[in-house]
Amino acid sequence: MSHTGDPNKKAKDNNAKNKVKNQEEKINAQHGKHDYSKKTDHL
C-alpha cells in the first residue's frame, strides 16, 4: 500500500490544547463543578 499523506500538513499541538483543558478542569474543581458522589440528595 502506498502512503498518500499530505507532507505540508501542520502538526497538531496537543500539548497546548491539553494544558488549557487541564487549567479549565482545575478551575471547575475549585468551584465544585462536576463532583461525583454516590450519595443521593433526593431520598
PDB file of N, CA and C in Angstrom:
ATOM      1  N   MET A   1       0.830  -1.187   0.000  1.00  0.00           N
ATOM      2  CA  MET A   1       0.000   0.000   0.000  1.00  0.00           C
ATOM      3  C   MET A   1       0.876   1.252   0.000  1.00  0.00           C
ATOM      4  N   SER A   2       0.466   2.227  -0.755  1.00  0.00           N
ATOM      5  CA  SER A   2       1.221   3.467  -0.797  1.00  0.00           C
ATOM      6  C   SER A   2       0.677   4.453   0.225  1.00  0.00           C
ATOM      7  N   HIS A   3       1.571   5.253   0.763  1.00  0.00           N
ATOM      8  CA  HIS A   3       1.189   6.269   1.752  1.00  0.00           C
ATOM      9  C   HIS A   3       0.877   7.565   1.013  1.00  0.00           C
ATOM     10  N   THR A   4      -0.331   8.038   1.140  1.00  0.00           N
ATOM     11  CA  THR A   4      -0.738   9.249   0.411  1.00  0.00           C
ATOM     12  C   THR A   4      -1.060  10.373   1.382  1.00  0.00           C
ATOM     13  N   GLY A   5      -0.132  10.656   2.304  1.00  0.00           N
ATOM     14  CA  GLY A   5      -0.328  11.734   3.273  1.00  0.00           C
ATOM     15  C   GLY A   5       0.034  13.085   2.675  1.00  0.00           C
ATOM     16  N   ASP A   6      -0.370  14.142   3.340  1.00  0.00           N
ATOM     17  CA  ASP A   6      -0.054  15.495   2.893  1.00  0.00           C
ATOM     18  C   ASP A   6       1.217  15.952   3.609  1.00  0.00           C
ATOM     19  N   PRO A   7       2.330  16.114   2.909  1.00  0.00           N
ATOM     20  CA  PRO A   7       3.582  16.483   3.573  1.00  0.00           C
ATOM     21  C   PRO A   7       3.577  17.925   4.080  1.00  0.00           C
ATOM     22  N   ASN A   8       2.659  18.745   3.601  1.00  0.00           N
ATOM     23  CA  ASN A   8       2.627  20.150   4.005  1.00  0.00           C
ATOM     24  C   ASN A   8       1.668  20.413   5.155  1.00  0.00           C
ATOM     25  N   LYS A   9       1.102  19.351   5.698  1.00  0.00           N
ATOM     26  CA  LYS A   9       0.123  19.495   6.776  1.00  0.00           C
ATOM     27  C   LYS A   9       0.823  19.901   8.073  1.00  0.00           C
ATOM     28  N   LYS A  10       0.224  20.863   8.793  1.00  0.00           N
ATOM     29  CA  LYS A  10       0.809  21.310  10.049  1.00  0.00           C
ATOM     30  C   LYS A  10       0.560  20.264  11.138  1.00  0.00           C
ATOM     31  N   ALA A  11       1.541  20.100  12.001  1.00  0.00           N
ATOM     32  CA  ALA A  11       1.393  19.171  13.121  1.00  0.00           C
ATOM     33  C   ALA A  11       0.494  19.792  14.173  1.00  0.00           C
ATOM     34  N   LYS A  12      -0.315  18.956  14.798  1.00  0.00           N
ATOM     35  CA  LYS A  12      -1.187  19.442  15.864  1.00  0.00           C
ATOM     36  C   LYS A  12      -0.375  19.637  17.137  1.00  0.00           C
ATOM     37  N   ASP A  13      -0.675  20.716  17.838  1.00  0.00           N
ATOM     38  CA  ASP A  13      -0.014  20.969  19.112  1.00  0.00           C
ATOM     39  C   ASP A  13      -0.960  20.556  20.232  1.00  0.00           C
ATOM     40  N   ASN A  14      -0.983  19.254  20.509  1.00  0.00           N
ATOM     41  CA  ASN A  14      -1.905  18.734  21.514  1.00  0.00           C
ATOM     42  C   ASN A  14      -1.500  19.125  22.926  1.00  0.00           C
ATOM     43  N   ASN A  15      -0.208  19.369  23.150  1.00  0.00           N
ATOM     44  CA  ASN A  15       0.229  19.743  24.493  1.00  0.00           C
ATOM     45  C   ASN A  15      -0.393  21.069  24.915  1.00  0.00           C
ATOM     46  N   ALA A  16      -0.437  22.024  24.025  1.00  0.00           N
ATOM     47  CA  ALA A  16      -1.022  23.328  24.350  1.00  0.00           C
ATOM     48  C   ALA A  16      -2.518  23.189  24.607  1.00  0.00           C
ATOM     49  N   LYS A  17      -3.180  22.370  23.793  1.00  0.00           N
ATOM     50  CA  LYS A  17      -4.615  22.166  23.961  1.00  0.00           C
ATOM     51  C   LYS A  17      -4.911  21.478  25.293  1.00  0.00           C
ATOM     52  N   ASN A  18      -4.102  20.465  25.635  1.00  0.00           N
ATOM     53  CA  ASN A  18      -4.297  19.749  26.893  1.00  0.00           C
ATOM     54  C   ASN A  18      -4.001  20.628  28.102  1.00  0.00           C
ATOM     55  N   LYS A  19      -3.038  21.536  27.957  1.00  0.00           N
ATOM     56  CA  LYS A  19      -2.706  22.434  29.063  1.00  0.00           C
ATOM     57  C   LYS A  19      -3.895  23.334  29.388  1.00  0.00           C
ATOM     58  N   VAL A  20      -4.536  23.869  28.350  1.00  0.00           N
ATOM     59  CA  VAL A  20      -5.714  24.715  28.549  1.00  0.00           C
ATOM     60  C   VAL A  20      -6.840  23.902  29.169  1.00  0.00           C
ATOM     61  N   LYS A  21      -7.026  22.685  28.682  1.00  0.00           N
ATOM     62  CA  LYS A  21      -8.088  21.814  29.198  1.00  0.00           C
ATOM     63  C   LYS A  21      -7.862  21.507  30.676  1.00  0.00           C
ATOM     64  N   ASN A  22      -6.618  21.214  31.052  1.00  0.00           N
ATOM     65  CA  ASN A  22      -6.310  20.916  32.444  1.00  0.00           C
ATOM     66  C   ASN A  22      -6.532  22.116  33.346  1.00  0.00           C
ATOM     67  N   GLN A  23      -6.225  23.319  32.841  1.00  0.00           N
ATOM     68  CA  GLN A  23      -6.457  24.525  33.624  1.00  0.00           C
ATOM     69  C   GLN A  23      -7.950  24.725  33.871  1.00  0.00           C
ATOM     70  N   GLU A  24      -8.762  24.491  32.848  1.00  0.00           N
ATOM     71  CA  GLU A  24     -10.204  24.635  32.991  1.00  0.00           C
ATOM     72  C   GLU A  24     -10.750  23.623  33.987  1.00  0.00           C
ATOM     73  N   GLU A  25     -10.257  22.382  33.929  1.00  0.00           N
ATOM     74  CA  GLU A  25     -10.708  21.354  34.864  1.00  0.00           C
ATOM     75  C   GLU A  25     -10.325  21.714  36.293  1.00  0.00           C
ATOM     76  N   LYS A  26      -9.145  22.283  36.466  1.00  0.00           N
ATOM     77  CA  LYS A  26      -8.690  22.678  37.796  1.00  0.00           C
ATOM     78  C   LYS A  26      -9.582  23.783  38.364  1.00  0.00           C
ATOM     79  N   ILE A  27      -9.919  24.752  37.541  1.00  0.00           N
ATOM     80  CA  ILE A  27     -10.786  25.854  37.965  1.00  0.00           C
ATOM     81  C   ILE A  27     -12.173  25.330  38.307  1.00  0.00           C
ATOM     82  N   ASN A  28     -12.706  24.429  37.467  1.00  0.00           N
ATOM     83  CA  ASN A  28     -14.018  23.856  37.727  1.00  0.00           C
ATOM     84  C   ASN A  28     -14.026  23.063  39.025  1.00  0.00           C
ATOM     85  N   ALA A  29     -12.950  22.350  39.307  1.00  0.00           N
ATOM     86  CA  ALA A  29     -12.871  21.560  40.529  1.00  0.00           C
ATOM     87  C   ALA A  29     -12.867  22.474  41.754  1.00  0.00           C
ATOM     88  N   GLN A  30     -12.206  23.627  41.634  1.00  0.00           N
ATOM     89  CA  GLN A  30     -12.171  24.573  42.743  1.00  0.00           C
ATOM     90  C   GLN A  30     -13.561  25.157  43.012  1.00  0.00           C
ATOM     91  N   HIS A  31     -14.363  25.275  41.967  1.00  0.00           N
ATOM     92  CA  HIS A  31     -15.722  25.802  42.115  1.00  0.00           C
ATOM     93  C   HIS A  31     -16.723  24.703  42.457  1.00  0.00           C
ATOM     94  N   GLY A  32     -16.251  23.461  42.544  1.00  0.00           N
ATOM     95  CA  GLY A  32     -17.115  22.356  42.922  1.00  0.00           C
ATOM     96  C   GLY A  32     -17.952  21.820  41.788  1.00  0.00           C
ATOM     97  N   LYS A  33     -17.581  22.099  40.565  1.00  0.00           N
ATOM     98  CA  LYS A  33     -18.334  21.578  39.427  1.00  0.00           C
ATOM     99  C   LYS A  33     -17.904  20.153  39.121  1.00  0.00           C
ATOM    100  N   HIS A  34     -18.814  19.382  38.589  1.00  0.00           N
ATOM    101  CA  HIS A  34     -18.568  18.001  38.144  1.00  0.00           C
ATOM    102  C   HIS A  34     -18.103  17.104  39.290  1.00  0.00           C
ATOM    103  N   ASP A  35     -18.619  17.353  40.490  1.00  0.00           N
ATOM    104  CA  ASP A  35     -18.300  16.466  41.609  1.00  0.00           C
ATOM    105  C   ASP A  35     -19.026  15.144  41.426  1.00  0.00           C
ATOM    106  N   TYR A  36     -18.379  14.085  41.842  1.00  0.00           N
ATOM    107  CA  TYR A  36     -19.007  12.771  41.769  1.00  0.00           C
ATOM    108  C   TYR A  36     -19.243  12.272  43.184  1.00  0.00           C
ATOM    109  N   SER A  37     -20.447  11.890  43.455  1.00  0.00           N
ATOM    110  CA  SER A  37     -20.778  11.357  44.758  1.00  0.00           C
ATOM    111  C   SER A  37     -21.839  10.294  44.604  1.00  0.00           C
ATOM    112  N   LYS A  38     -21.690   9.207  45.349  1.00  0.00           N
ATOM    113  CA  LYS A  38     -22.696   8.147  45.279  1.00  0.00           C
ATOM    114  C   LYS A  38     -23.918   8.489  46.129  1.00  0.00           C
ATOM    115  N   LYS A  39     -23.780   9.444  47.032  1.00  0.00           N
ATOM    116  CA  LYS A  39     -24.892   9.818  47.882  1.00  0.00           C
ATOM    117  C   LYS A  39     -25.985  10.486  47.038  1.00  0.00           C
ATOM    118  N   THR A  40     -27.211  10.121  47.291  1.00  0.00           N
ATOM    119  CA  THR A  40     -28.311  10.728  46.563  1.00  0.00           C
ATOM    120  C   THR A  40     -28.963  11.806  47.420  1.00  0.00           C
ATOM    121  N   ASP A  41     -29.274  12.916  46.802  1.00  0.00           N
ATOM    122  CA  ASP A  41     -29.868  14.028  47.526  1.00  0.00           C
ATOM    123  C   ASP A  41     -31.383  13.888  47.644  1.00  0.00           C
ATOM    124  N   HIS A  42     -31.991  13.097  46.769  1.00  0.00           N
ATOM    125  CA  HIS A  42     -33.439  13.105  46.664  1.00  0.00           C
ATOM    126  C   HIS A  42     -34.130  12.040  47.508  1.00  0.00           C
ATOM    127  N   LEU A  43     -33.390  11.236  48.252  1.00  0.00           N
ATOM    128  CA  LEU A  43     -34.033  10.203  49.063  1.00  0.00           C
ATOM    129  C   LEU A  43     -34.106  10.592  50.518  1.00  0.00           C
TER     130      LEU A  43
END
